[in-house]
Amino acid sequence: MTVLKSVSTLVVVATLVVSASWSSNDNFKLKDDTPVWEVYEKLGKIKLHAVNPKVAGASAEIGKDIVLKGSSVKRDGKKGKTAKQSKHFECTACHTIEKEFHDLSDLDPNKKLAYAAKNNIPFLQGSSFYGIVNREHFYNDEYQKKYKDVPGIKKSFSDVRAAIQVCAIQCSQGRALEDWEIESVLMYFWTLQLKIGDLNLTDEQKQKIEYALNERQSGARAFHYIRDEFSDVSPAHFAKPMEYRKLSDTELKNKERFQRGKWIYDLGCKHCHGKKRYSFYNLDDNTSTFKHLAKHMERGKHHSIHKISRYGTAPKNFKKAYMPQYTTEKMSDSQLMDLQIYVANMAKGNNLLK
């Protein structure tokens, strides 16, 4: 898959200079835990999304609580907890906090699914928070069209704080975060920044980057070695739902596709629907549940897996919890067919993995 590169990258590369804040005697060595932004700054790139230390009461610990639990301790050590950010979701309903790809430059959804299965990571609609401070754009592509009337959406394209607020109000159907809460979330995101060890750099590339840093030469080339190993945007495109069609015997008996469908069901569908965690509709492994899903697929109504995955559901005044849609980058049409193969087999009691 071709990784999108931001226009601003061209400007950065054209003007890259090595920082004068360190001497040639420092003999900088790359380590797996070296932050990508540390290298970028030494190469002269201006740091994006920097934390504002003047915001009182903010901390990464508070930000982590908001992201994982939806609330935190009150500001400046006051007793009690803040109000829940949302009554319906936590951030991790739609976003993971783990690295989602072995190769961060290849955003193939099947490779993401395989990596998720290997590492027991949810397969969700939103992009991972891991490495979010290394991205330059948010709510990009068709999200800008979908949310065009939402306050702050245009600003959120390049402003991570605005993106956090849009997610808090619009996506989670919750309350606006205060400045110190947003800064806390950003501080927590900085604990999830990319490290050199997250990238698939060769030993030769690492040596050339170290040479550029220590000899203050070939900075633009060194920047590219790193920049080419991950995407600074999370592509987002919507698609029309597939129409239901009956599966062939060959498709039904395909164990590889059945396995992928099971991963999607277990790591995606059940993440929100299992025991009604974030949903009013329960999903489990009972044959009756699969029969119900199969019946909806055949009818082709809105709640069939083909349509609800592409359209999601809309929040309503009396039911603000809703289902976000999957973009083609987060779940392909081929993967939707894998899910159909899994559901169709399980509805008949055919577990191809036994």
Protein backbone atom coordinates (compact mmCIF):
# COMPACT_ATOMS: atom_id res chain seq x y z
CA MET A 1 0.00 0.00 0.00
CA THR A 2 1.36 3.44 -0.86
CA VAL A 3 1.83 5.52 2.28
CA LEU A 4 0.61 9.10 2.08
CA LYS A 5 3.24 11.76 2.69
CA SER A 6 2.32 15.22 3.86
CA VAL A 7 3.12 18.24 1.73
CA SER A 8 4.85 19.81 4.70
CA THR A 9 7.49 17.06 4.56
CA LEU A 10 8.84 18.55 1.34
CA VAL A 11 9.27 21.89 3.03
CA VAL A 12 11.00 20.29 6.01
CA VAL A 13 13.43 18.33 3.88
CA ALA A 14 14.22 21.36 1.76
CA THR A 15 15.24 23.36 4.82
CA LEU A 16 16.75 20.69 7.07
CA VAL A 17 19.86 21.77 8.94
CA VAL A 18 21.64 20.07 11.78
CA SER A 19 21.03 21.60 15.20
CA ALA A 20 23.88 23.56 16.73
CA SER A 21 22.81 22.70 20.27
CA TRP A 22 25.29 19.81 20.47
CA SER A 23 28.92 19.38 19.46
CA SER A 24 30.55 16.98 17.03
CA ASN A 25 32.27 15.34 20.01
CA ASP A 26 28.98 14.01 21.38
CA ASN A 27 29.25 10.88 19.19
CA PHE A 28 25.51 10.27 19.24
CA LYS A 29 24.48 6.60 19.10
CA LEU A 30 21.04 5.36 18.10
CA LYS A 31 19.35 2.95 20.50
CA ASP A 32 16.05 1.12 20.23
CA ASP A 33 14.54 3.37 22.90
CA THR A 34 15.77 6.61 21.29
CA PRO A 35 12.67 8.73 20.53
CA VAL A 36 12.19 9.55 16.86
CA TRP A 37 11.51 13.16 17.81
CA GLU A 38 14.89 13.38 19.58
CA VAL A 39 16.63 12.48 16.33
CA TYR A 40 14.36 14.80 14.34
CA GLU A 41 15.21 17.74 16.59
CA LYS A 42 18.93 17.04 16.27
CA LEU A 43 18.39 17.11 12.51
CA GLY A 44 16.79 20.54 12.82
CA LYS A 45 13.08 19.72 12.53
CA ILE A 46 10.85 21.96 14.61
CA LYS A 47 9.00 19.89 17.21
CA LEU A 48 5.27 19.56 16.62
CA HIS A 49 2.61 19.10 19.33
CA ALA A 50 4.99 20.15 22.09
CA VAL A 51 3.56 20.13 25.61
CA ASN A 52 2.81 23.53 27.15
CA PRO A 53 4.50 23.49 30.58
CA LYS A 54 2.58 26.61 31.64
CA VAL A 55 -0.73 24.74 31.89
CA ALA A 56 -1.14 24.17 35.63
CA GLY A 57 -2.36 20.87 37.02
CA ALA A 58 -1.66 18.79 33.90
CA SER A 59 0.20 15.48 34.01
CA ALA A 60 0.69 12.35 31.91
CA GLU A 61 -0.81 10.25 34.72
CA ILE A 62 -4.04 12.28 34.61
CA GLY A 63 -4.08 12.00 30.82
CA LYS A 64 -3.70 8.23 31.01
CA ASP A 65 -6.66 8.02 33.39
CA ILE A 66 -8.82 10.12 31.06
CA VAL A 67 -7.91 7.95 28.05
CA LEU A 68 -8.31 4.58 29.77
CA LYS A 69 -10.98 5.29 32.38
CA GLY A 70 -12.76 8.45 31.20
CA SER A 71 -12.04 10.49 34.33
CA SER A 72 -9.20 11.48 36.62
CA VAL A 73 -8.36 13.05 39.93
CA LYS A 74 -9.37 16.68 40.16
CA ARG A 75 -6.97 19.48 39.36
CA ASP A 76 -4.19 20.44 41.79
CA GLY A 77 -4.84 17.56 44.15
CA LYS A 78 -8.39 18.48 45.06
CA LYS A 79 -10.45 15.66 46.51
CA GLY A 80 -12.64 13.52 44.30
CA LYS A 81 -12.80 12.64 40.61
CA THR A 82 -13.62 14.73 37.59
CA ALA A 83 -16.92 14.14 35.81
CA LYS A 84 -16.78 11.29 33.29
CA GLN A 85 -15.73 12.61 29.92
CA SER A 86 -18.44 10.50 28.29
CA LYS A 87 -21.28 8.41 29.66
CA HIS A 88 -21.09 6.15 26.63
CA PHE A 89 -17.45 5.42 25.76
CA GLU A 90 -13.86 5.51 26.88
CA CYS A 91 -11.24 6.50 24.31
CA THR A 92 -10.20 2.86 24.02
CA ALA A 93 -13.64 1.92 22.70
CA CYS A 94 -12.36 3.00 19.28
CA HIS A 95 -8.61 3.50 19.71
CA THR A 96 -5.80 1.24 20.88
CA ILE A 97 -2.70 2.42 22.72
CA GLU A 98 -0.39 -0.17 21.15
CA LYS A 99 1.64 -0.26 17.98
CA GLU A 100 -0.68 -1.79 15.34
CA PHE A 101 1.70 -2.84 12.56
CA HIS A 102 5.00 -4.69 12.40
CA ASP A 103 5.94 -2.35 9.54
CA LEU A 104 4.57 1.14 10.21
CA SER A 105 5.05 2.13 6.58
CA ASP A 106 2.72 -0.61 5.30
CA LEU A 107 -0.88 -0.01 6.39
CA ASP A 108 -2.38 -3.09 4.73
CA PRO A 109 -5.47 -4.00 6.83
CA ASN A 110 -4.72 -7.73 6.56
CA LYS A 111 -1.26 -7.17 8.01
CA LYS A 112 -2.81 -5.05 10.74
CA LEU A 113 -5.26 -7.88 11.51
CA ALA A 114 -2.53 -10.51 11.64
CA TYR A 115 -0.44 -8.30 13.94
CA ALA A 116 -3.50 -7.70 16.14
CA ALA A 117 -4.16 -11.44 16.41
CA LYS A 118 -0.53 -12.21 17.22
CA ASN A 119 -0.39 -9.53 19.92
CA ASN A 120 -4.02 -9.69 21.13
CA ILE A 121 -4.77 -6.09 20.12
CA PRO A 122 -8.35 -4.93 19.38
CA PHE A 123 -9.21 -4.43 15.70
CA LEU A 124 -11.00 -1.08 15.80
CA GLN A 125 -12.35 1.79 13.71
CA GLY A 126 -10.04 4.47 15.10
CA SER A 127 -6.30 4.79 14.64
CA SER A 128 -3.94 3.85 17.44
CA PHE A 129 -2.78 6.52 19.85
CA TYR A 130 0.64 4.92 19.65
CA GLY A 131 2.80 7.32 17.67
CA ILE A 132 0.07 9.96 17.40
CA VAL A 133 2.51 12.76 18.30
CA ASN A 134 4.62 11.65 15.33
CA ARG A 135 1.74 12.37 12.94
CA GLU A 136 1.19 15.73 11.33
CA HIS A 137 -2.49 15.46 10.41
CA PHE A 138 -5.68 14.19 12.05
CA TYR A 139 -9.29 13.81 10.94
CA ASN A 140 -7.90 13.80 7.43
CA ASP A 141 -9.36 12.74 4.11
CA GLU A 142 -13.09 11.98 4.27
CA TYR A 143 -13.46 12.76 7.97
CA GLN A 144 -13.06 16.42 7.04
CA LYS A 145 -16.08 16.00 4.75
CA LYS A 146 -18.13 13.92 7.17
CA TYR A 147 -17.66 16.35 10.06
CA LYS A 148 -17.49 19.53 8.00
CA ASP A 149 -20.08 21.30 10.17
CA VAL A 150 -18.52 20.25 13.48
CA PRO A 151 -16.82 23.14 15.32
CA GLY A 152 -13.06 22.77 15.33
CA ILE A 153 -12.87 20.14 12.59
CA LYS A 154 -10.81 22.25 10.18
CA LYS A 155 -8.39 23.22 12.91
CA SER A 156 -8.11 19.59 13.99
CA PHE A 157 -6.49 18.71 10.66
CA SER A 158 -3.14 19.96 11.93
CA ASP A 159 -3.80 20.77 15.61
CA VAL A 160 -3.69 17.72 17.88
CA ARG A 161 -5.37 19.60 20.75
CA ALA A 162 -8.30 20.49 18.52
CA ALA A 163 -8.45 16.85 17.38
CA ILE A 164 -8.61 15.68 21.00
CA GLN A 165 -11.51 18.07 21.66
CA VAL A 166 -13.42 17.05 18.53
CA CYS A 167 -13.07 13.42 19.58
CA ALA A 168 -14.26 14.24 23.11
CA ILE A 169 -17.38 16.13 22.02
CA GLN A 170 -18.34 14.60 18.68
CA CYS A 171 -17.00 11.07 18.58
CA SER A 172 -17.53 10.13 22.22
CA GLN A 173 -20.74 12.17 22.52
CA GLY A 174 -19.33 13.57 25.75
CA ARG A 175 -18.41 16.79 27.48
CA ALA A 176 -15.73 19.22 26.37
CA LEU A 177 -12.39 18.75 28.05
CA GLU A 178 -10.84 21.63 29.96
CA ASP A 179 -7.46 22.98 28.87
CA TRP A 180 -5.57 21.17 31.66
CA GLU A 181 -7.30 17.89 30.73
CA ILE A 182 -6.39 18.26 27.05
CA GLU A 183 -2.80 19.05 28.00
CA SER A 184 -2.76 15.98 30.26
CA VAL A 185 -3.99 13.76 27.41
CA LEU A 186 -1.28 15.21 25.17
CA MET A 187 1.33 14.55 27.85
CA TYR A 188 0.18 10.94 27.98
CA PHE A 189 0.35 10.70 24.18
CA TRP A 190 3.99 11.76 24.40
CA THR A 191 4.67 8.62 26.46
CA LEU A 192 3.45 6.69 23.39
CA GLN A 193 5.74 8.38 20.89
CA LEU A 194 7.63 6.33 18.31
CA LYS A 195 11.09 5.01 19.15
CA ILE A 196 13.84 4.03 16.76
CA GLY A 197 13.21 0.39 17.66
CA ASP A 198 9.66 0.69 16.28
CA LEU A 199 11.05 1.32 12.81
CA ASN A 200 12.48 -1.27 10.43
CA LEU A 201 15.76 0.51 9.84
CA THR A 202 18.71 -1.50 8.57
CA ASP A 203 22.05 -1.39 10.37
CA GLU A 204 23.48 0.50 7.39
CA GLN A 205 20.74 3.13 7.60
CA LYS A 206 21.32 3.55 11.32
CA GLN A 207 25.04 4.05 10.71
CA LYS A 208 24.30 6.70 8.08
CA ILE A 209 21.90 8.49 10.44
CA GLU A 210 24.56 8.48 13.17
CA TYR A 211 27.08 9.82 10.66
CA ALA A 212 24.72 12.65 9.72
CA LEU A 213 24.19 13.52 13.37
CA ASN A 214 27.85 13.36 14.40
CA GLU A 215 29.41 14.89 11.30
CA ARG A 216 26.57 17.30 10.57
CA GLN A 217 26.28 16.14 6.97
CA SER A 218 23.59 14.47 4.83
CA GLY A 219 20.82 15.59 7.21
CA ALA A 220 18.08 15.44 4.57
CA ARG A 221 18.99 11.87 3.63
CA ALA A 222 19.02 10.82 7.29
CA PHE A 223 15.63 12.43 7.77
CA HIS A 224 14.23 10.43 4.84
CA TYR A 225 15.53 7.13 6.20
CA ILE A 226 13.40 7.67 9.29
CA ARG A 227 10.48 9.40 7.61
CA ASP A 228 9.98 6.58 5.11
CA GLU A 229 9.45 4.06 7.92
CA PHE A 230 6.07 5.38 9.09
CA SER A 231 3.12 7.46 7.92
CA ASP A 232 2.45 10.88 9.41
CA VAL A 233 -1.25 10.53 8.58
CA SER A 234 -3.81 7.79 9.10
CA PRO A 235 -5.60 7.51 5.72
CA ALA A 236 -9.40 7.45 5.94
CA HIS A 237 -11.77 6.67 3.07
CA PHE A 238 -15.34 5.46 3.17
CA ALA A 239 -16.98 2.94 0.86
CA LYS A 240 -20.48 1.90 -0.08
CA PRO A 241 -21.62 -1.37 1.49
CA MET A 242 -21.23 -4.63 -0.37
CA GLU A 243 -24.44 -6.32 -1.40
CA TYR A 244 -25.09 -9.72 0.12
CA ARG A 245 -24.38 -12.73 -2.07
CA LYS A 246 -24.47 -16.41 -1.28
CA LEU A 247 -21.05 -17.92 -0.69
CA SER A 248 -19.68 -20.70 -2.87
CA ASP A 249 -18.71 -24.03 -1.32
CA THR A 250 -15.05 -23.18 -1.94
CA GLU A 251 -15.38 -19.91 -0.04
CA LEU A 252 -17.26 -21.55 2.82
CA LYS A 253 -14.53 -24.17 3.26
CA ASN A 254 -11.63 -21.70 3.15
CA LYS A 255 -9.93 -22.12 6.54
CA GLU A 256 -7.62 -19.14 6.08
CA ARG A 257 -10.52 -16.78 5.46
CA PHE A 258 -12.51 -18.40 8.26
CA GLN A 259 -9.59 -17.69 10.62
CA ARG A 260 -9.42 -14.04 9.55
CA GLY A 261 -13.16 -13.75 10.05
CA LYS A 262 -12.84 -15.17 13.55
CA TRP A 263 -10.11 -12.64 14.38
CA ILE A 264 -12.34 -9.79 13.17
CA TYR A 265 -15.27 -11.09 15.20
CA ASP A 266 -13.25 -11.66 18.37
CA LEU A 267 -10.98 -8.60 18.24
CA GLY A 268 -13.38 -6.20 16.52
CA CYS A 269 -17.07 -7.01 16.95
CA LYS A 270 -16.85 -8.44 20.46
CA HIS A 271 -14.63 -5.60 21.67
CA CYS A 272 -17.74 -3.39 21.83
CA HIS A 273 -20.61 -5.89 21.69
CA GLY A 274 -19.25 -8.59 23.96
CA LYS A 275 -21.39 -8.52 27.13
CA LYS A 276 -22.80 -5.21 25.78
CA ARG A 277 -19.62 -3.41 26.77
CA TYR A 278 -20.34 -0.34 24.64
CA SER A 279 -23.49 -1.49 22.89
CA PHE A 280 -27.11 -2.44 23.50
CA TYR A 281 -26.63 -5.45 21.20
CA ASN A 282 -24.82 -8.44 22.68
CA LEU A 283 -22.49 -10.70 20.72
CA ASP A 284 -21.18 -14.04 21.97
CA ASP A 285 -20.21 -17.43 20.57
CA ASN A 286 -23.59 -19.10 20.78
CA THR A 287 -24.94 -20.66 17.59
CA SER A 288 -28.17 -18.70 18.00
CA THR A 289 -26.20 -15.42 17.86
CA PHE A 290 -24.53 -16.41 14.59
CA LYS A 291 -27.89 -17.49 13.16
CA HIS A 292 -29.29 -14.07 14.01
CA LEU A 293 -26.36 -12.34 12.29
CA ALA A 294 -26.66 -14.63 9.25
CA LYS A 295 -30.37 -13.88 8.93
CA HIS A 296 -29.69 -10.13 8.93
CA MET A 297 -26.97 -10.61 6.30
CA GLU A 298 -29.33 -12.46 3.99
CA ARG A 299 -32.04 -9.84 4.38
CA GLY A 300 -29.52 -7.12 3.54
CA LYS A 301 -31.09 -4.58 5.87
CA HIS A 302 -29.23 -1.78 7.63
CA HIS A 303 -28.11 -3.99 10.49
CA SER A 304 -26.44 -6.57 8.25
CA ILE A 305 -22.70 -6.77 8.90
CA HIS A 306 -21.99 -5.45 5.39
CA LYS A 307 -24.01 -2.27 5.85
CA ILE A 308 -23.52 -1.48 9.52
CA SER A 309 -19.74 -1.82 9.14
CA ARG A 310 -19.74 0.77 6.36
CA TYR A 311 -22.47 3.10 7.62
CA GLY A 312 -22.28 2.60 11.37
CA THR A 313 -25.21 3.96 13.34
CA ALA A 314 -26.08 7.54 14.22
CA PRO A 315 -26.33 8.87 17.78
CA LYS A 316 -29.83 9.90 18.83
CA ASN A 317 -31.16 12.09 21.64
CA PHE A 318 -32.33 9.09 23.63
CA LYS A 319 -29.50 6.78 22.54
CA LYS A 320 -26.22 8.64 22.10
CA ALA A 321 -24.10 5.51 22.13
CA TYR A 322 -23.57 4.58 18.50
CA MET A 323 -21.39 2.47 16.23
CA PRO A 324 -18.65 4.25 14.25
CA GLN A 325 -18.10 3.07 10.69
CA TYR A 326 -15.02 1.27 9.42
CA THR A 327 -13.03 2.99 6.69
CA THR A 328 -11.58 0.83 3.94
CA GLU A 329 -8.16 1.26 5.58
CA LYS A 330 -9.45 -0.18 8.85
CA MET A 331 -11.46 -3.02 7.28
CA SER A 332 -11.40 -3.96 3.62
CA ASP A 333 -14.26 -5.43 1.59
CA SER A 334 -12.29 -8.67 1.45
CA GLN A 335 -12.19 -8.74 5.24
CA LEU A 336 -15.95 -8.19 5.38
CA MET A 337 -16.28 -11.31 3.23
CA ASP A 338 -13.98 -13.13 5.68
CA LEU A 339 -16.36 -12.13 8.45
CA GLN A 340 -19.32 -13.37 6.41
CA ILE A 341 -17.57 -16.72 5.88
CA TYR A 342 -16.97 -17.04 9.62
CA VAL A 343 -20.54 -16.12 10.60
CA ALA A 344 -22.13 -18.34 7.93
CA ASN A 345 -20.13 -21.36 9.08
CA MET A 346 -20.70 -20.77 12.79
CA ALA A 347 -24.44 -20.37 12.17
CA LYS A 348 -24.40 -23.95 10.88
CA GLY A 349 -22.17 -25.19 13.68
CA ASN A 350 -19.18 -25.59 11.35
CA ASN A 351 -15.99 -24.56 13.15
CA LEU A 352 -13.36 -25.07 10.48
CA LEU A 353 -10.53 -24.76 13.00
CA LYS A 354 -11.54 -27.89 14.92
